Amino acid sequence: MANFPLINMEKLNGAERGVTMDKIKDACENWGFFELVNHGISHELLDKVDKMTKDHYKKCMEQRFKEMVAAKASEGVYGQVKRYLN
């Protein structure tokens, strides 16, 4: 089994730039994702973005659930009225 794509961002500035770019290209074409290391982004910022993303996803899912419940309730009412009229 092939290794998970791991890209060292420090190698983009130097003699290994071409090899690193080839690794990114391969990861995109064959895996669809990769992990970046030595990117310079603090763990605190990554944790904050992770939390914000999860909170946003949760709110979106809650809204979709509410809309689904409302739609099903409307369908139920419409079905009852339709049966009554027939």
C-alpha atoms as a PDB file:
ATOM      1  CA  MET A   1       0.000   0.000   0.000  1.00  0.00           C
ATOM      2  CA  ALA A   2       1.265   3.473  -0.871  1.00  0.00           C
ATOM      3  CA  ASN A   3       2.147   5.988   1.829  1.00  0.00           C
ATOM      4  CA  PHE A   4      -0.282   8.749   2.707  1.00  0.00           C
ATOM      5  CA  PRO A   5       0.764  11.958   0.862  1.00  0.00           C
ATOM      6  CA  LEU A   6       2.761  14.171   3.203  1.00  0.00           C
ATOM      7  CA  ILE A   7       4.038  17.486   1.820  1.00  0.00           C
ATOM      8  CA  ASN A   8       6.785  19.437   3.598  1.00  0.00           C
ATOM      9  CA  MET A   9       6.133  23.100   2.795  1.00  0.00           C
ATOM     10  CA  GLU A  10       9.684  24.091   3.783  1.00  0.00           C
ATOM     11  CA  LYS A  11      10.937  22.273   0.687  1.00  0.00           C
ATOM     12  CA  LEU A  12       9.031  24.584  -1.674  1.00  0.00           C
ATOM     13  CA  ASN A  13      11.731  27.229  -1.255  1.00  0.00           C
ATOM     14  CA  GLY A  14      14.927  25.595  -2.355  1.00  0.00           C
ATOM     15  CA  ALA A  15      16.519  22.910  -4.475  1.00  0.00           C
ATOM     16  CA  GLU A  16      13.724  20.404  -3.785  1.00  0.00           C
ATOM     17  CA  ARG A  17      10.933  22.658  -5.102  1.00  0.00           C
ATOM     18  CA  GLY A  18      10.420  20.622  -8.288  1.00  0.00           C
ATOM     19  CA  VAL A  19      10.215  17.327  -6.412  1.00  0.00           C
ATOM     20  CA  THR A  20       7.814  18.845  -3.879  1.00  0.00           C
ATOM     21  CA  MET A  21       5.588  20.246  -6.639  1.00  0.00           C
ATOM     22  CA  ASP A  22       5.536  16.791  -8.264  1.00  0.00           C
ATOM     23  CA  LYS A  23       4.447  15.296  -4.933  1.00  0.00           C
ATOM     24  CA  ILE A  24       1.597  17.831  -4.690  1.00  0.00           C
ATOM     25  CA  LYS A  25       0.543  17.071  -8.277  1.00  0.00           C
ATOM     26  CA  ASP A  26       0.613  13.330  -7.635  1.00  0.00           C
ATOM     27  CA  ALA A  27      -1.328  13.698  -4.380  1.00  0.00           C
ATOM     28  CA  CYS A  28      -4.009  15.782  -6.107  1.00  0.00           C
ATOM     29  CA  GLU A  29      -4.347  13.462  -9.087  1.00  0.00           C
ATOM     30  CA  ASN A  30      -4.113  10.107  -7.316  1.00  0.00           C
ATOM     31  CA  TRP A  31      -5.342  10.729  -3.776  1.00  0.00           C
ATOM     32  CA  GLY A  32      -7.442  13.878  -3.872  1.00  0.00           C
ATOM     33  CA  PHE A  33      -5.890  15.151  -0.647  1.00  0.00           C
ATOM     34  CA  PHE A  34      -2.630  15.403   1.276  1.00  0.00           C
ATOM     35  CA  GLU A  35      -1.251  16.543   4.615  1.00  0.00           C
ATOM     36  CA  LEU A  36       0.909  19.644   4.881  1.00  0.00           C
ATOM     37  CA  VAL A  37       3.694  19.923   7.437  1.00  0.00           C
ATOM     38  CA  ASN A  38       5.928  22.889   8.269  1.00  0.00           C
ATOM     39  CA  HIS A  39       3.348  25.316   6.883  1.00  0.00           C
ATOM     40  CA  GLY A  40       3.838  27.912   9.617  1.00  0.00           C
ATOM     41  CA  ILE A  41       0.196  28.038  10.763  1.00  0.00           C
ATOM     42  CA  SER A  42      -0.110  27.943  14.545  1.00  0.00           C
ATOM     43  CA  HIS A  43      -1.904  25.079  16.285  1.00  0.00           C
ATOM     44  CA  GLU A  44      -4.105  27.637  18.011  1.00  0.00           C
ATOM     45  CA  LEU A  45      -5.366  29.004  14.695  1.00  0.00           C
ATOM     46  CA  LEU A  46      -5.896  25.498  13.300  1.00  0.00           C
ATOM     47  CA  ASP A  47      -7.886  24.551  16.415  1.00  0.00           C
ATOM     48  CA  LYS A  48      -9.977  27.724  16.117  1.00  0.00           C
ATOM     49  CA  VAL A  49     -10.730  27.087  12.437  1.00  0.00           C
ATOM     50  CA  ASP A  50     -11.593  23.455  13.219  1.00  0.00           C
ATOM     51  CA  LYS A  51     -14.033  24.519  15.942  1.00  0.00           C
ATOM     52  CA  MET A  52     -15.616  27.203  13.758  1.00  0.00           C
ATOM     53  CA  THR A  53     -16.025  24.740  10.883  1.00  0.00           C
ATOM     54  CA  LYS A  54     -17.675  22.148  13.113  1.00  0.00           C
ATOM     55  CA  ASP A  55     -19.973  24.772  14.667  1.00  0.00           C
ATOM     56  CA  HIS A  56     -20.993  26.016  11.215  1.00  0.00           C
ATOM     57  CA  TYR A  57     -21.653  22.477   9.976  1.00  0.00           C
ATOM     58  CA  LYS A  58     -23.749  21.730  13.064  1.00  0.00           C
ATOM     59  CA  LYS A  59     -25.853  24.873  12.535  1.00  0.00           C
ATOM     60  CA  CYS A  60     -26.351  24.022   8.856  1.00  0.00           C
ATOM     61  CA  MET A  61     -27.441  20.491   9.712  1.00  0.00           C
ATOM     62  CA  GLU A  62     -29.835  21.781  12.368  1.00  0.00           C
ATOM     63  CA  GLN A  63     -31.350  24.208   9.842  1.00  0.00           C
ATOM     64  CA  ARG A  64     -31.706  21.454   7.225  1.00  0.00           C
ATOM     65  CA  PHE A  65     -33.402  19.256   9.820  1.00  0.00           C
ATOM     66  CA  LYS A  66     -35.850  22.039  10.732  1.00  0.00           C
ATOM     67  CA  GLU A  67     -36.636  22.636   7.062  1.00  0.00           C
ATOM     68  CA  MET A  68     -37.154  18.909   6.488  1.00  0.00           C
ATOM     69  CA  VAL A  69     -39.513  18.647   9.478  1.00  0.00           C
ATOM     70  CA  ALA A  70     -41.457  21.699   8.265  1.00  0.00           C
ATOM     71  CA  ALA A  71     -41.695  20.267   4.740  1.00  0.00           C
ATOM     72  CA  LYS A  72     -42.875  16.880   6.039  1.00  0.00           C
ATOM     73  CA  ALA A  73     -45.442  18.605   8.256  1.00  0.00           C
ATOM     74  CA  SER A  74     -46.698  20.594   5.265  1.00  0.00           C
ATOM     75  CA  GLU A  75     -46.904  17.432   3.166  1.00  0.00           C
ATOM     76  CA  GLY A  76     -48.856  15.751   5.946  1.00  0.00           C
ATOM     77  CA  VAL A  77     -51.337  18.614   6.194  1.00  0.00           C
ATOM     78  CA  TYR A  78     -51.675  18.778   2.406  1.00  0.00           C
ATOM     79  CA  GLY A  79     -52.270  15.025   2.243  1.00  0.00           C
ATOM     80  CA  GLN A  80     -54.986  15.225   4.904  1.00  0.00           C
ATOM     81  CA  VAL A  81     -56.746  18.120   3.118  1.00  0.00           C
ATOM     82  CA  LYS A  82     -56.485  16.298  -0.222  1.00  0.00           C
ATOM     83  CA  ARG A  83     -58.077  13.150   1.269  1.00  0.00           C
ATOM     84  CA  TYR A  84     -60.804  15.258   2.828  1.00  0.00           C
ATOM     85  CA  LEU A  85     -61.609  16.912  -0.495  1.00  0.00           C
ATOM     86  CA  ASN A  86     -61.737  13.626  -2.422  1.00  0.00           C
END
